[in-house]
Protein backbone atom coordinates (compact mmCIF):
# COMPACT_ATOMS: atom_id res chain seq x y z
CA MET A 1 -28.30 -36.07 34.74
CA SER A 2 -24.65 -35.46 33.84
CA GLU A 3 -22.27 -33.79 36.26
CA GLN A 4 -21.95 -30.02 35.90
CA LYS A 5 -18.63 -28.86 34.38
CA PRO A 6 -16.67 -26.69 36.84
CA THR A 7 -17.08 -23.04 35.92
CA VAL A 8 -15.22 -19.82 36.54
CA PHE A 9 -17.64 -16.90 36.73
CA ILE A 10 -16.39 -13.36 36.23
CA HIS A 11 -18.94 -10.79 37.35
CA THR A 12 -18.84 -7.35 35.80
CA ASN A 13 -20.72 -4.34 34.48
CA PRO A 14 -20.21 -2.35 31.27
CA LYS A 15 -17.51 -0.20 32.92
CA GLN A 16 -15.39 -3.26 33.73
CA GLN A 17 -16.03 -5.31 30.58
CA VAL A 18 -12.49 -5.06 29.20
CA GLY A 19 -11.04 -6.31 32.49
CA ALA A 20 -13.51 -9.20 32.48
CA LEU A 21 -12.42 -10.22 28.96
CA VAL A 22 -8.74 -10.13 29.94
CA SER A 23 -9.58 -12.16 33.06
CA GLU A 24 -11.43 -14.74 30.96
CA TYR A 25 -8.45 -15.05 28.62
CA SER A 26 -6.02 -15.46 31.55
CA PHE A 27 -7.92 -18.43 33.01
CA LYS A 28 -7.92 -20.37 29.74
CA ARG A 29 -4.38 -19.38 28.74
CA ASN A 30 -2.81 -20.43 32.03
CA SER A 31 -4.49 -23.81 32.39
CA LYS A 32 -2.98 -27.13 31.32
CA THR A 33 -6.54 -28.38 30.71
CA PRO A 34 -8.57 -25.40 29.43
CA ASP A 35 -11.35 -27.67 28.16
CA ALA A 36 -11.92 -29.14 31.64
CA PHE A 37 -13.81 -26.05 32.82
CA SER A 38 -15.99 -23.24 31.50
CA VAL A 39 -15.60 -19.52 31.91
CA GLU A 40 -18.67 -17.30 31.94
CA ILE A 41 -18.89 -13.54 32.18
CA VAL A 42 -21.88 -12.49 34.28
CA SER A 43 -22.90 -8.88 33.65
CA THR A 44 -25.25 -6.55 35.48
CA GLU A 45 -27.03 -6.10 32.16
CA ASP A 46 -28.26 -9.71 32.46
CA PHE A 47 -30.00 -9.04 35.79
CA PRO A 48 -32.65 -6.31 35.32
CA TRP A 49 -33.63 -6.42 38.99
CA LEU A 50 -30.38 -4.56 39.78
CA LYS A 51 -31.55 -1.58 37.73
CA THR A 52 -35.08 -1.49 39.19
CA ARG A 53 -33.64 -0.31 42.53
CA GLU A 54 -31.85 2.71 41.01
CA GLY A 55 -31.83 5.62 43.47
CA GLN A 56 -33.44 3.65 46.29
CA ALA A 57 -31.98 3.47 49.80
CA TYR A 58 -30.33 0.23 50.94
CA LEU A 59 -28.57 -0.85 54.12
CA ARG A 60 -24.76 -0.64 54.03
CA ASP A 61 -22.56 -0.57 57.12
CA GLY A 62 -25.61 0.12 59.26
CA LEU A 63 -26.54 3.22 57.25
CA MET A 64 -28.96 3.78 54.43
CA ARG A 65 -27.18 4.59 51.14
CA GLU A 66 -28.42 5.24 47.62
CA TRP A 67 -28.16 2.32 45.16
CA LEU A 68 -26.51 3.45 41.93
CA TYR A 69 -26.76 0.94 39.11
CA ASP A 70 -24.08 2.82 37.17
CA ASP A 71 -21.58 2.59 40.05
CA LEU A 72 -18.15 1.13 39.26
CA GLN A 73 -18.80 -1.73 41.73
CA SER A 74 -22.51 -2.34 40.98
CA PHE A 75 -21.73 -5.94 40.00
CA THR A 76 -20.86 -7.08 43.55
CA PRO A 77 -24.27 -8.65 44.35
CA LEU A 78 -23.63 -10.96 41.40
CA ARG A 79 -20.91 -12.67 43.46
CA PHE A 80 -23.67 -14.87 44.83
CA THR A 81 -25.23 -15.95 41.51
CA PRO A 82 -23.12 -19.04 40.61
CA PRO A 83 -25.11 -21.61 42.63
CA GLU A 84 -28.36 -20.58 40.90
CA LEU A 85 -26.65 -20.34 37.50
CA MET A 86 -25.20 -23.84 38.01
CA GLY A 87 -28.59 -25.32 39.00
CA TYR A 88 -27.22 -25.83 42.53
CA GLN A 89 -24.75 -28.48 41.42
CA GLY A 90 -21.04 -28.68 40.69
CA ARG A 91 -18.22 -26.36 41.60
CA ALA A 92 -17.74 -22.72 40.70
CA VAL A 93 -15.18 -20.01 41.24
CA MET A 94 -16.43 -16.43 41.25
CA VAL A 95 -13.93 -13.62 40.63
CA ASP A 96 -14.01 -9.86 40.25
CA PRO A 97 -13.20 -8.55 36.75
CA ASP A 98 -9.77 -7.37 37.89
CA VAL A 99 -8.65 -10.87 38.95
CA PHE A 100 -6.27 -12.57 36.52
CA ALA A 101 -4.96 -16.14 36.59
CA VAL A 102 -1.22 -16.62 36.87
CA GLY A 103 -1.55 -20.36 37.47
CA ASP A 104 -3.89 -23.21 36.61
CA VAL A 105 -7.38 -22.59 38.02
CA MET A 106 -8.07 -26.34 37.93
CA GLU A 107 -5.89 -26.61 41.03
CA LEU A 108 -8.45 -24.46 42.80
CA LEU A 109 -11.53 -26.03 41.19
CA THR A 110 -10.42 -29.51 42.29
CA ARG A 111 -9.18 -28.54 45.74
CA ASP A 112 -10.37 -30.51 48.77
CA MET A 113 -12.94 -28.24 50.41
CA GLY A 114 -13.07 -30.30 53.59
CA GLY A 115 -16.86 -30.52 53.42
CA LYS A 116 -17.25 -26.72 53.34
CA ALA A 117 -19.65 -24.90 51.04
CA ILE A 118 -17.29 -21.97 50.40
CA LEU A 119 -13.56 -21.37 50.45
CA ALA A 120 -12.44 -17.73 50.63
CA ARG A 121 -9.51 -15.85 52.12
CA LYS A 122 -9.74 -13.95 55.40
CA ARG A 123 -9.94 -10.26 54.76
CA GLY A 124 -9.58 -8.68 58.16
CA GLY A 125 -11.09 -9.22 61.54
CA ASP A 126 -12.23 -12.60 62.78
CA LYS A 127 -15.40 -12.89 60.73
CA GLU A 128 -14.69 -11.11 57.45
CA TYR A 129 -13.83 -12.95 54.27
CA ALA A 130 -12.99 -11.56 50.84
CA SER A 131 -15.78 -12.58 48.49
CA SER A 132 -13.98 -11.17 45.44
CA VAL A 133 -12.62 -14.69 44.82
CA MET A 134 -14.64 -17.66 46.12
CA LEU A 135 -14.65 -21.39 45.48
CA MET A 136 -18.17 -22.75 45.90
CA ASP A 137 -19.76 -26.17 46.22
CA CYS A 138 -23.02 -25.11 44.62
CA ALA A 139 -25.01 -28.09 45.95
CA LYS A 140 -24.43 -26.78 49.48
CA LEU A 141 -25.69 -23.28 48.71
CA THR A 142 -29.33 -23.94 47.85
CA HIS A 143 -30.35 -21.21 50.31
CA TRP A 144 -28.69 -18.56 48.14
CA ARG A 145 -31.44 -16.70 46.29
CA VAL A 146 -29.64 -13.61 45.06
CA GLU A 147 -32.52 -11.45 43.89
CA ASP A 148 -34.40 -12.04 47.15
CA GLN A 149 -31.28 -11.37 49.21
CA PHE A 150 -30.53 -8.23 47.20
CA ASN A 151 -34.05 -6.95 47.87
CA GLU A 152 -33.61 -7.60 51.60
CA MET A 153 -31.03 -4.78 51.69
CA PHE A 154 -33.76 -2.31 50.73
CA ASP A 155 -36.07 -3.69 53.43
CA LYS A 156 -33.31 -3.26 56.09
CA LYS A 157 -33.21 -7.04 56.61
CA ARG A 158 -29.70 -7.53 55.18
CA ASP A 159 -26.64 -5.30 55.40
CA TYR A 160 -24.59 -5.13 52.19
CA MET A 161 -21.24 -5.19 54.02
CA GLU A 162 -22.14 -8.23 56.10
CA TRP A 163 -23.41 -9.97 52.97
CA ILE A 164 -20.29 -9.45 50.87
CA SER A 165 -18.04 -10.22 53.84
CA LEU A 166 -19.73 -13.61 54.20
């Protein structure tokens, strides 16, 4: 089996599609080696299980809220799809559709992860990380099963805010 090409994933929904396309362009344009990695746009439209929960209550910040598929941020559960999409091998960067490269993403994709499964920036507090940009070693994330984990929010087994804050 050949080694998986590093991939930048941009997750989006129809409302953020233009931003995702500009983001995709920025990663290729600003790299010295644009053929060394792939860029894939991952859209809510490709994951029908997101729509099946329309109007149902899910756990967010300890409270039950209504899931709205058409929400501006409905793509956020897709932050956790790269390991599955990569067959649990290789490296991936996941970014929100409003993240644009100003430098060469290969510097991030080839960064020493120090044996960690994920690199992300601290967001606030001691335990919160921003998952809007993550570098992932997909082979170390075989426990990520996004559809199952998404459904756990509706069964009160997983809190959305804790999930996206890693």
